[in-house]
C-alpha atoms as a PDB file:
ATOM      1  CA  MET A   1     136.518 -37.911  -2.979  1.00  0.00           C
ATOM      2  CA  ALA A   2     133.586 -40.304  -3.762  1.00  0.00           C
ATOM      3  CA  GLN A   3     132.642 -41.193  -7.400  1.00  0.00           C
ATOM      4  CA  HIS A   4     130.231 -38.854  -8.899  1.00  0.00           C
ATOM      5  CA  THR A   5     128.530 -38.905 -12.373  1.00  0.00           C
ATOM      6  CA  GLN A   6     126.045 -36.848 -14.214  1.00  0.00           C
ATOM      7  CA  ILE A   7     122.696 -37.079 -16.064  1.00  0.00           C
ATOM      8  CA  ALA A   8     122.825 -35.374 -19.473  1.00  0.00           C
ATOM      9  CA  LEU A   9     119.816 -33.365 -20.641  1.00  0.00           C
ATOM     10  CA  PRO A  10     119.235 -32.212 -24.020  1.00  0.00           C
ATOM     11  CA  LEU A  11     120.645 -28.461 -24.679  1.00  0.00           C
ATOM     12  CA  SER A  12     117.044 -27.461 -25.626  1.00  0.00           C
ATOM     13  CA  LEU A  13     116.063 -27.895 -21.929  1.00  0.00           C
ATOM     14  CA  GLN A  14     118.796 -25.694 -20.638  1.00  0.00           C
ATOM     15  CA  SER A  15     117.500 -22.365 -19.162  1.00  0.00           C
ATOM     16  CA  GLU A  16     119.613 -19.382 -18.397  1.00  0.00           C
ATOM     17  CA  GLY A  17     121.302 -19.671 -15.081  1.00  0.00           C
ATOM     18  CA  GLU A  18     121.078 -23.421 -14.870  1.00  0.00           C
ATOM     19  CA  PRO A  19     123.483 -26.189 -15.902  1.00  0.00           C
ATOM     20  CA  ALA A  20     122.488 -28.479 -18.675  1.00  0.00           C
ATOM     21  CA  ARG A  21     123.619 -31.730 -16.667  1.00  0.00           C
ATOM     22  CA  ILE A  22     122.662 -32.745 -13.340  1.00  0.00           C
ATOM     23  CA  ALA A  23     125.448 -33.856 -11.107  1.00  0.00           C
ATOM     24  CA  LEU A  24     124.703 -36.874  -9.002  1.00  0.00           C
ATOM     25  CA  GLY A  25     125.810 -37.804  -5.510  1.00  0.00           C
ATOM     26  CA  PRO A  26     124.425 -38.936  -2.157  1.00  0.00           C
ATOM     27  CA  ALA A  27     122.373 -35.812  -1.916  1.00  0.00           C
ATOM     28  CA  ASN A  28     120.185 -36.601  -4.840  1.00  0.00           C
ATOM     29  CA  GLN A  29     121.030 -40.253  -5.980  1.00  0.00           C
ATOM     30  CA  ARG A  30     118.000 -41.574  -4.365  1.00  0.00           C
ATOM     31  CA  ALA A  31     115.728 -39.057  -5.976  1.00  0.00           C
ATOM     32  CA  ALA A  32     117.141 -39.814  -9.403  1.00  0.00           C
ATOM     33  CA  GLU A  33     116.847 -43.441  -9.070  1.00  0.00           C
ATOM     34  CA  ALA A  34     113.194 -43.156  -8.074  1.00  0.00           C
ATOM     35  CA  LEU A  35     112.439 -40.818 -11.042  1.00  0.00           C
ATOM     36  CA  ALA A  36     113.922 -43.362 -13.408  1.00  0.00           C
ATOM     37  CA  ASP A  37     111.593 -45.899 -12.247  1.00  0.00           C
ATOM     38  CA  PRO A  38     108.269 -44.529 -11.009  1.00  0.00           C
ATOM     39  CA  SER A  39     106.331 -47.923 -11.182  1.00  0.00           C
ATOM     40  CA  PRO A  40     106.537 -48.484  -7.301  1.00  0.00           C
ATOM     41  CA  TRP A  41     105.249 -44.974  -6.273  1.00  0.00           C
ATOM     42  CA  PRO A  42     102.464 -45.197  -4.071  1.00  0.00           C
ATOM     43  CA  PHE A  43      99.312 -43.910  -6.029  1.00  0.00           C
ATOM     44  CA  GLY A  44     101.841 -43.087  -8.824  1.00  0.00           C
ATOM     45  CA  THR A  45     102.701 -39.893  -7.072  1.00  0.00           C
ATOM     46  CA  ALA A  46     106.293 -38.514  -5.729  1.00  0.00           C
ATOM     47  CA  ILE A  47     106.837 -35.207  -3.909  1.00  0.00           C
ATOM     48  CA  LEU A  48     110.418 -33.631  -4.385  1.00  0.00           C
ATOM     49  CA  THR A  49     111.821 -31.123  -2.109  1.00  0.00           C
ATOM     50  CA  GLY A  50     115.180 -29.537  -1.430  1.00  0.00           C
ATOM     51  CA  PRO A  51     117.330 -26.370  -1.136  1.00  0.00           C
ATOM     52  CA  PRO A  52     117.110 -23.625  -3.558  1.00  0.00           C
ATOM     53  CA  ARG A  53     119.135 -24.179  -7.149  1.00  0.00           C
ATOM     54  CA  SER A  54     119.531 -27.944  -6.031  1.00  0.00           C
ATOM     55  CA  GLY A  55     118.414 -29.195  -9.545  1.00  0.00           C
ATOM     56  CA  LYS A  56     114.860 -30.067  -8.567  1.00  0.00           C
ATOM     57  CA  SER A  57     113.461 -28.406 -11.777  1.00  0.00           C
ATOM     58  CA  LEU A  58     116.090 -30.274 -13.849  1.00  0.00           C
ATOM     59  CA  LEU A  59     115.212 -33.335 -12.522  1.00  0.00           C
ATOM     60  CA  GLY A  60     111.575 -32.740 -13.237  1.00  0.00           C
ATOM     61  CA  ARG A  61     112.229 -31.997 -16.704  1.00  0.00           C
ATOM     62  CA  TRP A  62     114.071 -35.231 -16.981  1.00  0.00           C
ATOM     63  CA  PHE A  63     111.277 -37.127 -15.561  1.00  0.00           C
ATOM     64  CA  ALA A  64     108.756 -35.307 -17.869  1.00  0.00           C
ATOM     65  CA  GLN A  65     110.850 -36.649 -21.007  1.00  0.00           C
ATOM     66  CA  SER A  66     109.840 -40.215 -20.044  1.00  0.00           C
ATOM     67  CA  GLY A  67     106.085 -39.243 -20.114  1.00  0.00           C
ATOM     68  CA  GLY A  68     105.600 -38.366 -16.358  1.00  0.00           C
ATOM     69  CA  VAL A  69     103.569 -35.282 -15.283  1.00  0.00           C
ATOM     70  CA  VAL A  70     105.297 -32.507 -13.278  1.00  0.00           C
ATOM     71  CA  ILE A  71     103.772 -29.772 -11.418  1.00  0.00           C
ATOM     72  CA  ASP A  72     106.753 -27.464 -10.580  1.00  0.00           C
ATOM     73  CA  GLY A  73     106.116 -25.184  -7.452  1.00  0.00           C
ATOM     74  CA  ALA A  74     103.182 -27.283  -6.433  1.00  0.00           C
ATOM     75  CA  ASP A  75     103.235 -25.892  -2.830  1.00  0.00           C
ATOM     76  CA  GLY A  76     102.222 -22.325  -4.536  1.00  0.00           C
ATOM     77  CA  TRP A  77      99.020 -24.170  -6.058  1.00  0.00           C
ATOM     78  CA  ASP A  78      95.608 -23.701  -4.850  1.00  0.00           C
ATOM     79  CA  GLU A  79      95.092 -26.969  -2.616  1.00  0.00           C
ATOM     80  CA  THR A  80      91.541 -27.530  -4.215  1.00  0.00           C
ATOM     81  CA  ASP A  81      93.031 -27.314  -7.804  1.00  0.00           C
ATOM     82  CA  LEU A  82      95.896 -29.433  -6.739  1.00  0.00           C
ATOM     83  CA  PHE A  83      93.520 -32.013  -5.339  1.00  0.00           C
ATOM     84  CA  HIS A  84      91.429 -32.144  -8.614  1.00  0.00           C
ATOM     85  CA  ARG A  85      94.728 -32.552 -10.462  1.00  0.00           C
ATOM     86  CA  TRP A  86      95.657 -35.347  -8.396  1.00  0.00           C
ATOM     87  CA  ASN A  87      92.302 -36.983  -8.782  1.00  0.00           C
ATOM     88  CA  ARG A  88      92.741 -36.686 -12.639  1.00  0.00           C
ATOM     89  CA  ALA A  89      96.170 -38.360 -12.684  1.00  0.00           C
ATOM     90  CA  GLN A  90      94.595 -41.200 -10.793  1.00  0.00           C
ATOM     91  CA  GLU A  91      91.800 -41.439 -13.292  1.00  0.00           C
ATOM     92  CA  GLN A  92      94.263 -41.392 -16.334  1.00  0.00           C
ATOM     93  CA  GLY A  93      96.949 -43.576 -14.853  1.00  0.00           C
ATOM     94  CA  GLU A  94      99.697 -40.823 -14.999  1.00  0.00           C
ATOM     95  CA  LYS A  95     102.746 -40.673 -12.867  1.00  0.00           C
ATOM     96  CA  LEU A  96     102.736 -37.438 -10.869  1.00  0.00           C
ATOM     97  CA  LEU A  97     105.684 -35.618  -9.709  1.00  0.00           C
ATOM     98  CA  LEU A  98     105.153 -32.533  -7.525  1.00  0.00           C
ATOM     99  CA  ILE A  99     107.959 -30.343  -6.867  1.00  0.00           C
ATOM    100  CA  ALA A 100     107.923 -28.040  -3.777  1.00  0.00           C
ATOM    101  CA  ASP A 101     109.891 -24.847  -3.891  1.00  0.00           C
ATOM    102  CA  GLY A 102     110.151 -24.495   0.071  1.00  0.00           C
ATOM    103  CA  GLU A 103     111.617 -27.257   2.014  1.00  0.00           C
ATOM    104  CA  GLU A 104     108.726 -27.548   4.323  1.00  0.00           C
ATOM    105  CA  TRP A 105     105.249 -28.027   2.765  1.00  0.00           C
ATOM    106  CA  GLU A 106     102.280 -27.639   5.174  1.00  0.00           C
ATOM    107  CA  ILE A 107      98.942 -28.717   3.453  1.00  0.00           C
ATOM    108  CA  THR A 108      95.900 -27.397   5.016  1.00  0.00           C
ATOM    109  CA  LEU A 109      93.119 -29.321   2.823  1.00  0.00           C
ATOM    110  CA  PRO A 110      92.586 -32.607   4.843  1.00  0.00           C
ATOM    111  CA  ASP A 111      91.727 -34.432   1.497  1.00  0.00           C
ATOM    112  CA  LEU A 112      94.641 -33.316  -0.231  1.00  0.00           C
ATOM    113  CA  ARG A 113      96.888 -33.880   2.861  1.00  0.00           C
ATOM    114  CA  SER A 114      95.724 -37.412   3.329  1.00  0.00           C
ATOM    115  CA  ARG A 115      96.472 -38.330  -0.509  1.00  0.00           C
ATOM    116  CA  LEU A 116      99.937 -36.666  -0.512  1.00  0.00           C
ATOM    117  CA  GLY A 117     100.911 -38.084   2.870  1.00  0.00           C
ATOM    118  CA  ALA A 118     100.744 -41.466   1.201  1.00  0.00           C
ATOM    119  CA  ALA A 119     102.860 -40.376  -1.795  1.00  0.00           C
ATOM    120  CA  LEU A 120     106.676 -41.225  -2.190  1.00  0.00           C
ATOM    121  CA  HIS A 121     108.597 -38.320  -0.427  1.00  0.00           C
ATOM    122  CA  LEU A 122     112.014 -37.386  -2.070  1.00  0.00           C
ATOM    123  CA  GLN A 123     114.186 -34.865  -0.623  1.00  0.00           C
ATOM    124  CA  ILE A 124     117.721 -33.396  -2.010  1.00  0.00           C
ATOM    125  CA  GLY A 125     120.264 -33.000   0.721  1.00  0.00           C
ATOM    126  CA  GLN A 126     123.543 -30.760   0.717  1.00  0.00           C
ATOM    127  CA  PRO A 127     126.432 -31.707  -1.705  1.00  0.00           C
ATOM    128  CA  ASP A 128     129.440 -33.764  -0.425  1.00  0.00           C
ATOM    129  CA  ASP A 129     132.792 -32.763  -1.691  1.00  0.00           C
ATOM    130  CA  ALA A 130     132.750 -34.812  -4.779  1.00  0.00           C
ATOM    131  CA  MET A 131     129.424 -33.411  -5.940  1.00  0.00           C
ATOM    132  CA  LEU A 132     130.518 -30.002  -5.048  1.00  0.00           C
ATOM    133  CA  ALA A 133     133.541 -30.317  -7.133  1.00  0.00           C
ATOM    134  CA  ASP A 134     131.351 -31.668 -10.136  1.00  0.00           C
ATOM    135  CA  LEU A 135     128.901 -28.665  -9.558  1.00  0.00           C
ATOM    136  CA  ILE A 136     131.627 -26.027  -9.747  1.00  0.00           C
ATOM    137  CA  GLU A 137     132.857 -27.756 -13.026  1.00  0.00           C
ATOM    138  CA  ILE A 138     129.284 -27.650 -14.433  1.00  0.00           C
ATOM    139  CA  HIS A 139     128.638 -24.183 -13.785  1.00  0.00           C
ATOM    140  CA  ALA A 140     131.971 -23.209 -14.990  1.00  0.00           C
ATOM    141  CA  SER A 141     131.695 -25.125 -18.126  1.00  0.00           C
ATOM    142  CA  GLN A 142     128.340 -23.508 -18.963  1.00  0.00           C
ATOM    143  CA  ARG A 143     129.754 -20.029 -18.685  1.00  0.00           C
ATOM    144  CA  GLY A 144     132.774 -21.146 -20.991  1.00  0.00           C
ATOM    145  CA  LEU A 145     135.069 -20.465 -17.954  1.00  0.00           C
ATOM    146  CA  ALA A 146     138.446 -22.176 -17.576  1.00  0.00           C
ATOM    147  CA  LEU A 147     138.923 -22.086 -13.524  1.00  0.00           C
ATOM    148  CA  GLY A 148     142.587 -22.779 -13.882  1.00  0.00           C
ATOM    149  CA  GLU A 149     144.967 -25.338 -12.571  1.00  0.00           C
ATOM    150  CA  GLY A 150     144.189 -26.389  -8.891  1.00  0.00           C
ATOM    151  CA  ALA A 151     140.958 -24.462  -8.615  1.00  0.00           C
ATOM    152  CA  LEU A 152     139.073 -27.315  -7.200  1.00  0.00           C
ATOM    153  CA  THR A 153     141.713 -28.309  -4.861  1.00  0.00           C
ATOM    154  CA  TYR A 154     141.457 -24.601  -3.374  1.00  0.00           C
ATOM    155  CA  LEU A 155     137.706 -23.944  -3.816  1.00  0.00           C
ATOM    156  CA  VAL A 156     136.164 -27.230  -2.524  1.00  0.00           C
ATOM    157  CA  PRO A 157     137.469 -27.035   1.236  1.00  0.00           C
ATOM    158  CA  ARG A 158     136.565 -23.356   1.419  1.00  0.00           C
ATOM    159  CA  ILE A 159     133.139 -23.191  -0.296  1.00  0.00           C
ATOM    160  CA  THR A 160     129.921 -23.255   1.703  1.00  0.00           C
ATOM    161  CA  ARG A 161     128.000 -26.674   1.040  1.00  0.00           C
ATOM    162  CA  SER A 162     125.014 -24.923  -0.647  1.00  0.00           C
ATOM    163  CA  PHE A 163     123.802 -25.246  -4.314  1.00  0.00           C
ATOM    164  CA  ALA A 164     123.192 -21.743  -4.600  1.00  0.00           C
ATOM    165  CA  GLU A 165     126.362 -20.494  -3.127  1.00  0.00           C
ATOM    166  CA  ILE A 166     128.316 -22.687  -5.504  1.00  0.00           C
ATOM    167  CA  GLU A 167     126.596 -20.927  -8.350  1.00  0.00           C
ATOM    168  CA  ARG A 168     127.310 -17.387  -7.035  1.00  0.00           C
ATOM    169  CA  VAL A 169     131.033 -18.325  -6.298  1.00  0.00           C
ATOM    170  CA  VAL A 170     131.476 -19.467  -9.870  1.00  0.00           C
ATOM    171  CA  ALA A 171     129.611 -16.237 -11.156  1.00  0.00           C
ATOM    172  CA  ALA A 172     131.912 -13.969  -9.085  1.00  0.00           C
ATOM    173  CA  ILE A 173     135.115 -15.767 -10.513  1.00  0.00           C
ATOM    174  CA  ASP A 174     133.793 -15.262 -13.931  1.00  0.00           C
ATOM    175  CA  ARG A 175     132.910 -11.626 -13.240  1.00  0.00           C
ATOM    176  CA  LEU A 176     136.457 -10.901 -11.732  1.00  0.00           C
ATOM    177  CA  SER A 177     138.072 -12.499 -14.446  1.00  0.00           C
ATOM    178  CA  LEU A 178     136.357 -10.441 -16.923  1.00  0.00           C
ATOM    179  CA  GLU A 179     136.932  -7.120 -15.150  1.00  0.00           C
ATOM    180  CA  ARG A 180     140.556  -7.905 -14.422  1.00  0.00           C
ATOM    181  CA  LYS A 181     140.910  -9.259 -18.231  1.00  0.00           C
ATOM    182  CA  THR A 182     143.073 -12.107 -16.940  1.00  0.00           C
ATOM    183  CA  ALA A 183     142.485 -15.839 -16.420  1.00  0.00           C
ATOM    184  CA  PRO A 184     141.348 -17.069 -12.828  1.00  0.00           C
ATOM    185  CA  THR A 185     144.216 -17.568 -10.413  1.00  0.00           C
ATOM    186  CA  MET A 186     144.107 -18.119  -6.850  1.00  0.00           C
ATOM    187  CA  GLY A 187     143.882 -14.316  -6.268  1.00  0.00           C
ATOM    188  CA  ILE A 188     140.563 -14.449  -8.191  1.00  0.00           C
ATOM    189  CA  TRP A 189     139.429 -17.585  -6.370  1.00  0.00           C
ATOM    190  CA  ARG A 190     140.015 -16.095  -2.975  1.00  0.00           C
ATOM    191  CA  ASP A 191     138.473 -12.727  -3.931  1.00  0.00           C
ATOM    192  CA  ALA A 192     135.359 -14.438  -5.398  1.00  0.00           C
ATOM    193  CA  LEU A 193     134.991 -16.406  -2.016  1.00  0.00           C
ATOM    194  CA  ASP A 194     135.620 -13.023  -0.087  1.00  0.00           C
ATOM    195  CA  ALA A 195     132.774 -11.291  -2.383  1.00  0.00           C
ATOM    196  CA  VAL A 196     130.119 -14.092  -1.776  1.00  0.00           C
ATOM    197  CA  GLN A 197     131.056 -15.665   1.519  1.00  0.00           C
ATOM    198  CA  GLY A 198     133.028 -12.844   3.254  1.00  0.00           C
ATOM    199  CA  PRO A 199     136.747 -12.751   3.916  1.00  0.00           C
ATOM    200  CA  GLU A 200     136.566 -14.551   7.511  1.00  0.00           C
ATOM    201  CA  GLN A 201     134.902 -17.724   5.725  1.00  0.00           C
ATOM    202  CA  ALA A 202     137.273 -17.368   2.708  1.00  0.00           C
ATOM    203  CA  ARG A 203     140.232 -17.664   5.205  1.00  0.00           C
ATOM    204  CA  LEU A 204     139.084 -20.820   7.417  1.00  0.00           C
ATOM    205  CA  LEU A 205     141.353 -23.063   5.523  1.00  0.00           C
END
């Protein structure tokens, strides 16, 4: 597997259902590097998109700690209000990160569309095997869950390459382990995959 790393976040920034660390891999490395140095952003503005539960908000919180301005769910804002906020950021010399909840953001207001069309566009892709393994471990650690020896070897080839699906599978392992009052083993890993992805998907490998 490729090398993978994490960005540590203060525990005070952790919210329920989200890991306190951001796993880094090819899916989000460019976004993380861009947020670490916003100096070359066109008009000081970047737009971050990606799949659900892919860590967009966590990256935004990390960026905000360096003094940047973050609008999470920017694609749900009134476009006129967002245009005025963009203008204020320009006037005040702020670095502005707009996080879109949807993977496609259609802007109808011409003035806003032209401004944001010039912004730096960052997109989080799907996790590779190394990042997937890291995410499984992060979610398990957050729950205080010991997955058991060989869990990653079993789960990584079988789990859907989806941030949200990874989280659901770990939650299912935790739930089944508590219900059965036993530490996770292959039987629980398999049943968790069955519960989340369906038995046909779980038996692909």
